[in-house]
N, C-alpha and C. Protein backbone atom coordinates (compact mmCIF):
# COMPACT_ATOMS: atom_id res chain seq x y z
N MET A 1 -18.00 -39.16 33.20
CA MET A 1 -17.58 -37.71 32.70
C MET A 1 -17.26 -38.07 31.26
N SER A 2 -17.81 -36.81 30.59
CA SER A 2 -17.60 -37.48 29.25
C SER A 2 -16.34 -35.68 28.54
N ASP A 3 -15.24 -36.39 28.83
CA ASP A 3 -13.86 -35.18 28.73
C ASP A 3 -13.78 -34.77 27.26
N ILE A 4 -13.78 -33.44 27.18
CA ILE A 4 -12.96 -33.52 25.69
C ILE A 4 -11.67 -33.60 25.82
N ASP A 5 -11.05 -34.25 24.90
CA ASP A 5 -9.46 -34.48 24.49
C ASP A 5 -9.28 -33.41 23.57
N TYR A 6 -7.83 -32.63 23.79
CA TYR A 6 -6.96 -32.09 22.58
C TYR A 6 -6.11 -32.73 21.92
N ALA A 7 -6.64 -33.39 20.85
CA ALA A 7 -5.08 -34.15 20.01
C ALA A 7 -4.69 -35.32 20.88
N LEU A 8 -5.34 -36.46 21.12
CA LEU A 8 -5.87 -37.36 21.78
C LEU A 8 -4.35 -38.47 21.65
N ALA A 9 -4.11 -38.20 20.49
CA ALA A 9 -2.88 -39.21 20.06
C ALA A 9 -1.46 -38.44 20.30
N TYR A 10 -1.77 -37.20 20.85
CA TYR A 10 -0.12 -36.18 20.86
C TYR A 10 -0.04 -36.07 22.55
N ASP A 11 1.09 -35.62 22.71
CA ASP A 11 2.05 -35.39 23.71
C ASP A 11 1.89 -34.06 24.18
N PHE A 12 1.72 -33.58 25.40
CA PHE A 12 1.78 -32.52 25.77
C PHE A 12 2.96 -32.46 27.01
N ILE A 13 3.84 -31.82 26.70
CA ILE A 13 5.14 -31.93 27.94
C ILE A 13 5.41 -30.77 28.89
N ASP A 14 5.45 -30.99 29.80
CA ASP A 14 5.37 -29.87 31.18
C ASP A 14 7.06 -29.99 31.21
N PRO A 15 7.55 -28.69 30.75
CA PRO A 15 8.89 -28.95 30.67
C PRO A 15 9.62 -28.70 32.18
N SER A 16 9.13 -28.60 33.16
CA SER A 16 9.26 -28.93 34.52
C SER A 16 9.66 -30.07 35.06
N ASP A 17 9.01 -31.32 34.09
CA ASP A 17 9.39 -33.03 34.61
C ASP A 17 9.46 -33.77 33.20
N GLY A 18 9.11 -32.96 32.04
CA GLY A 18 9.52 -33.81 30.85
C GLY A 18 8.35 -34.73 30.87
N ILE A 19 6.99 -34.99 31.64
CA ILE A 19 6.36 -36.45 31.30
C ILE A 19 5.26 -36.00 29.99
N ALA A 20 4.86 -36.91 29.62
CA ALA A 20 4.27 -36.58 28.46
C ALA A 20 2.89 -37.22 29.08
N ARG A 21 1.69 -36.20 28.83
CA ARG A 21 0.74 -36.18 28.94
C ARG A 21 -0.49 -35.46 28.19
N GLN A 22 -1.69 -35.95 28.23
CA GLN A 22 -2.56 -35.77 27.04
C GLN A 22 -3.41 -34.56 28.27
N LEU A 23 -3.99 -33.68 27.12
CA LEU A 23 -4.60 -32.06 27.54
C LEU A 23 -6.17 -32.42 27.41
N ARG A 24 -7.22 -32.22 28.53
CA ARG A 24 -8.50 -32.56 28.50
C ARG A 24 -9.25 -31.43 29.14
N PHE A 25 -10.55 -31.41 28.67
CA PHE A 25 -11.20 -30.67 29.20
C PHE A 25 -12.34 -31.47 30.03
N GLU A 26 -12.23 -31.55 31.42
CA GLU A 26 -13.13 -32.10 32.09
C GLU A 26 -14.72 -31.57 32.14
N ARG A 27 -15.58 -32.02 31.81
CA ARG A 27 -16.96 -30.97 31.81
C ARG A 27 -17.35 -31.46 32.95
N ASN A 28 -18.28 -30.43 33.42
CA ASN A 28 -19.33 -30.48 34.60
C ASN A 28 -20.49 -30.99 33.93
N TRP A 29 -21.62 -31.87 34.59
CA TRP A 29 -22.75 -32.10 34.58
C TRP A 29 -23.80 -30.83 34.95
N ALA A 30 -25.23 -30.71 33.86
CA ALA A 30 -25.72 -29.89 34.31
C ALA A 30 -26.50 -30.18 35.44
N PRO A 31 -27.11 -29.19 35.98
CA PRO A 31 -27.83 -29.13 37.20
C PRO A 31 -28.91 -30.29 36.68
N PRO A 32 -30.11 -30.99 38.17
CA PRO A 32 -30.87 -31.99 37.69
C PRO A 32 -32.08 -30.67 36.99
N GLY A 33 -32.66 -31.45 36.54
CA GLY A 33 -34.00 -30.69 35.63
C GLY A 33 -33.47 -30.35 34.50
N ASP A 34 -32.10 -29.73 34.39
CA ASP A 34 -31.91 -29.12 32.65
C ASP A 34 -31.69 -30.03 31.71
N ARG A 35 -32.30 -29.40 30.67
CA ARG A 35 -32.24 -30.31 29.48
C ARG A 35 -30.88 -30.45 29.00
N ARG A 36 -29.77 -29.69 28.96
CA ARG A 36 -28.49 -30.22 28.40
C ARG A 36 -28.23 -31.34 29.45
N ILE A 37 -27.07 -32.04 28.97
CA ILE A 37 -26.19 -33.25 29.79
C ILE A 37 -25.09 -32.24 30.41
N PHE A 38 -24.38 -31.46 29.67
CA PHE A 38 -23.12 -30.68 30.60
C PHE A 38 -23.80 -29.63 30.23
N ASP A 39 -23.11 -28.49 31.50
CA ASP A 39 -23.42 -27.10 31.54
C ASP A 39 -22.54 -26.10 30.73
N GLY A 40 -21.52 -26.72 29.97
CA GLY A 40 -20.82 -25.50 29.05
C GLY A 40 -19.50 -25.31 30.36
N THR A 41 -19.38 -25.90 31.39
CA THR A 41 -18.43 -25.29 32.32
C THR A 41 -17.52 -26.68 32.50
N GLY A 42 -16.38 -26.28 33.32
CA GLY A 42 -15.49 -27.83 33.26
C GLY A 42 -13.89 -27.12 33.32
N GLN A 43 -12.72 -27.97 33.64
CA GLN A 43 -11.59 -27.49 33.77
C GLN A 43 -10.38 -28.35 32.94
N LEU A 44 -9.78 -27.52 32.54
CA LEU A 44 -8.60 -27.78 31.79
C LEU A 44 -7.61 -28.48 32.44
N VAL A 45 -7.34 -29.92 31.98
CA VAL A 45 -5.97 -30.29 32.99
C VAL A 45 -5.28 -31.12 31.53
N ALA A 46 -4.09 -31.67 32.11
CA ALA A 46 -3.14 -32.58 31.48
C ALA A 46 -3.06 -33.68 32.75
N VAL A 47 -3.21 -34.61 31.92
CA VAL A 47 -3.25 -36.31 32.52
C VAL A 47 -2.13 -37.14 31.82
N VAL A 48 -1.56 -37.86 32.60
CA VAL A 48 -0.72 -38.71 32.35
C VAL A 48 -1.58 -39.85 31.95
N ALA A 49 -1.30 -40.40 30.82
CA ALA A 49 -2.25 -41.51 30.43
C ALA A 49 -1.46 -42.18 29.63
N GLU A 50 -0.41 -43.37 30.00
CA GLU A 50 0.21 -44.30 29.67
C GLU A 50 0.15 -45.70 30.54
N TYR A 51 -0.51 -46.73 29.81
CA TYR A 51 -0.13 -47.72 30.49
C TYR A 51 1.05 -48.17 31.32
N GLY A 52 1.03 -48.61 32.52
CA GLY A 52 2.31 -48.76 33.01
C GLY A 52 3.12 -48.29 33.60
N HIS A 53 3.12 -46.63 33.27
CA HIS A 53 3.51 -45.36 33.78
C HIS A 53 3.42 -45.39 35.30
N PRO A 54 4.24 -45.04 36.13
CA PRO A 54 3.98 -44.82 37.42
C PRO A 54 3.12 -43.71 38.15
N ARG A 55 2.77 -43.16 36.87
CA ARG A 55 2.05 -41.88 37.30
C ARG A 55 0.84 -41.88 36.73
N ASN A 56 0.63 -43.00 36.07
CA ASN A 56 -0.37 -43.06 34.78
C ASN A 56 -1.98 -42.57 35.76
N GLY A 57 -2.49 -41.61 35.30
CA GLY A 57 -3.60 -41.24 35.77
C GLY A 57 -3.53 -40.07 36.55
N ASP A 58 -2.37 -39.35 36.95
CA ASP A 58 -2.21 -38.45 37.67
C ASP A 58 -2.15 -36.99 36.55
N THR A 59 -3.09 -36.40 37.05
CA THR A 59 -3.76 -34.84 36.83
C THR A 59 -3.24 -33.56 37.22
N LEU A 60 -2.82 -32.97 36.18
CA LEU A 60 -2.16 -31.23 36.33
C LEU A 60 -3.00 -30.47 35.87
N PRO A 61 -3.70 -29.65 37.34
CA PRO A 61 -4.71 -28.66 36.67
C PRO A 61 -3.97 -27.31 36.08
N ILE A 62 -4.64 -27.00 35.03
CA ILE A 62 -4.30 -26.34 34.06
C ILE A 62 -5.08 -24.97 34.36
N SER A 63 -6.37 -25.12 34.67
CA SER A 63 -7.25 -23.84 34.73
C SER A 63 -7.78 -24.36 36.02
N ARG A 64 -8.50 -23.17 36.47
CA ARG A 64 -9.44 -23.70 37.68
C ARG A 64 -10.50 -23.97 37.07
N PRO A 65 -11.59 -24.74 38.03
CA PRO A 65 -12.94 -25.62 38.00
C PRO A 65 -13.55 -24.65 37.57
N ASP A 66 -14.71 -25.25 36.84
CA ASP A 66 -15.98 -24.68 36.58
C ASP A 66 -15.72 -23.08 35.67
N VAL A 67 -14.64 -23.23 34.85
CA VAL A 67 -14.38 -22.17 33.72
C VAL A 67 -15.42 -22.45 32.46
N GLN A 68 -15.56 -21.58 32.09
CA GLN A 68 -16.36 -21.71 30.38
C GLN A 68 -15.34 -22.56 29.20
N LEU A 69 -16.11 -23.39 28.94
CA LEU A 69 -15.19 -24.02 27.94
C LEU A 69 -15.01 -23.22 26.45
N SER A 70 -16.04 -22.56 26.09
CA SER A 70 -15.59 -21.31 25.15
C SER A 70 -14.53 -20.17 25.61
N ASP A 71 -14.45 -19.95 27.22
CA ASP A 71 -13.17 -18.82 27.20
C ASP A 71 -11.73 -19.88 27.13
N VAL A 72 -11.53 -20.98 27.63
CA VAL A 72 -10.41 -21.98 27.63
C VAL A 72 -10.43 -22.19 25.80
N ASN A 73 -11.24 -22.33 25.16
CA ASN A 73 -10.98 -22.40 23.78
C ASN A 73 -10.27 -21.04 23.07
N ASN A 74 -11.25 -19.96 23.42
CA ASN A 74 -10.44 -18.41 22.91
C ASN A 74 -9.05 -18.27 23.71
N ALA A 75 -8.77 -18.98 25.03
CA ALA A 75 -7.29 -18.46 25.38
C ALA A 75 -6.31 -19.19 24.47
N ILE A 76 -6.57 -20.47 24.16
CA ILE A 76 -5.53 -21.42 23.61
C ILE A 76 -6.13 -21.55 22.23
N ASN A 77 -6.83 -20.79 21.24
CA ASN A 77 -6.87 -20.87 20.11
C ASN A 77 -5.52 -20.61 19.41
N GLY A 78 -4.86 -21.48 18.46
CA GLY A 78 -4.00 -21.66 17.92
C GLY A 78 -3.00 -22.77 18.02
N TRP A 79 -3.40 -23.16 19.65
CA TRP A 79 -2.47 -23.97 20.02
C TRP A 79 -1.11 -25.22 19.22
N GLU A 80 -1.97 -25.66 18.55
CA GLU A 80 -1.08 -25.99 17.48
C GLU A 80 -0.23 -25.80 16.87
N THR A 81 0.04 -24.66 16.37
CA THR A 81 0.99 -23.73 16.07
C THR A 81 1.79 -23.08 17.30
N TRP A 82 1.54 -22.34 18.08
CA TRP A 82 2.60 -21.63 19.14
C TRP A 82 2.91 -22.65 20.21
N ALA A 83 2.39 -23.55 20.61
CA ALA A 83 2.82 -24.52 21.51
C ALA A 83 3.79 -25.51 20.78
N ALA A 84 3.77 -25.69 19.53
CA ALA A 84 4.28 -27.08 19.26
C ALA A 84 5.61 -27.15 19.33
N ILE A 85 6.18 -28.41 19.52
CA ILE A 85 7.62 -28.96 19.83
C ILE A 85 8.08 -29.70 18.17
N THR A 86 7.20 -30.51 18.34
CA THR A 86 7.13 -31.21 17.01
C THR A 86 5.92 -31.37 16.24
N ASP A 87 6.02 -32.08 15.36
CA ASP A 87 4.58 -32.29 14.65
C ASP A 87 3.46 -33.28 15.59
N THR A 88 4.01 -34.30 16.61
CA THR A 88 3.35 -34.67 17.52
C THR A 88 3.31 -34.23 19.20
N THR A 89 4.08 -33.49 19.48
CA THR A 89 4.45 -32.74 20.75
C THR A 89 4.35 -31.42 20.76
N TYR A 90 3.84 -31.45 22.34
CA TYR A 90 3.42 -29.88 22.38
C TYR A 90 3.92 -29.56 23.58
N ASN A 91 4.24 -28.00 24.13
CA ASN A 91 4.50 -27.71 25.31
C ASN A 91 3.46 -27.13 26.03
N LEU A 92 3.40 -27.63 27.24
CA LEU A 92 2.39 -27.33 28.06
C LEU A 92 2.39 -25.44 28.94
N ALA A 93 3.68 -25.13 28.58
CA ALA A 93 3.94 -24.07 29.20
C ALA A 93 3.34 -22.87 28.98
N PRO A 94 3.75 -22.59 27.69
CA PRO A 94 2.93 -21.15 26.77
C PRO A 94 1.23 -21.52 26.94
N ILE A 95 0.63 -23.30 26.85
CA ILE A 95 -0.79 -23.07 27.18
C ILE A 95 -1.17 -22.69 28.43
N THR A 96 -0.68 -23.08 29.47
CA THR A 96 -0.67 -22.79 30.93
C THR A 96 -0.39 -20.94 30.84
N ARG A 97 0.48 -20.20 30.59
CA ARG A 97 0.50 -18.89 30.40
C ARG A 97 -0.33 -18.54 29.51
N ARG A 98 -0.91 -19.09 28.55
CA ARG A 98 -2.42 -18.15 27.96
C ARG A 98 -3.48 -18.30 28.81
N ILE A 99 -3.72 -19.64 29.57
CA ILE A 99 -4.92 -19.79 30.18
C ILE A 99 -4.70 -19.03 31.77
N ASN A 100 -3.48 -18.74 32.13
CA ASN A 100 -3.41 -17.36 33.25
C ASN A 100 -3.86 -16.27 32.37
N SER A 101 -2.96 -15.89 31.81
CA SER A 101 -3.28 -14.73 31.31
C SER A 101 -4.90 -14.12 30.92
N ALA A 102 -5.33 -15.11 30.42
CA ALA A 102 -6.93 -14.69 30.07
C ALA A 102 -7.64 -14.94 31.66
N GLY A 103 -6.95 -15.29 32.63
CA GLY A 103 -7.63 -14.96 33.96
C GLY A 103 -8.25 -16.28 34.28
N LEU A 104 -8.15 -17.17 33.83
CA LEU A 104 -8.77 -18.42 34.02
C LEU A 104 -7.99 -19.49 34.55
N GLY A 105 -6.78 -19.22 34.92
CA GLY A 105 -5.40 -20.09 35.77
C GLY A 105 -6.00 -20.81 37.05
N TYR A 106 -5.21 -22.03 37.01
CA TYR A 106 -5.48 -22.87 38.37
C TYR A 106 -4.28 -22.32 39.72
N HIS A 107 -4.90 -21.66 40.78
CA HIS A 107 -3.89 -21.56 41.79
C HIS A 107 -4.64 -21.64 43.24
N PRO A 108 -3.77 -22.93 43.55
CA PRO A 108 -4.06 -23.79 44.79
C PRO A 108 -4.12 -22.98 46.05
């Protein structure tokens, strides 16, 4: 699958555990016979992506599956400003709140 990375070189911190993650939109494949490769839907997740980290690869769902990429982008528009902790570190909590407020949140 070809994920969309939000600021690949930056850290997104979940304040509940302090672990740095990458923010990604995991895209869904288009159905067979569709001319598109991806169908425009997927899930916003935060992934531990640090070689050697004991939780490397662990995924924290931010949105529910099968949401529209455009809805996610509209919900978190401007995250570079309002979620910033430093120039290269961002807080996942307000991102998650905005996703939830838009009705896109993950609720197991």
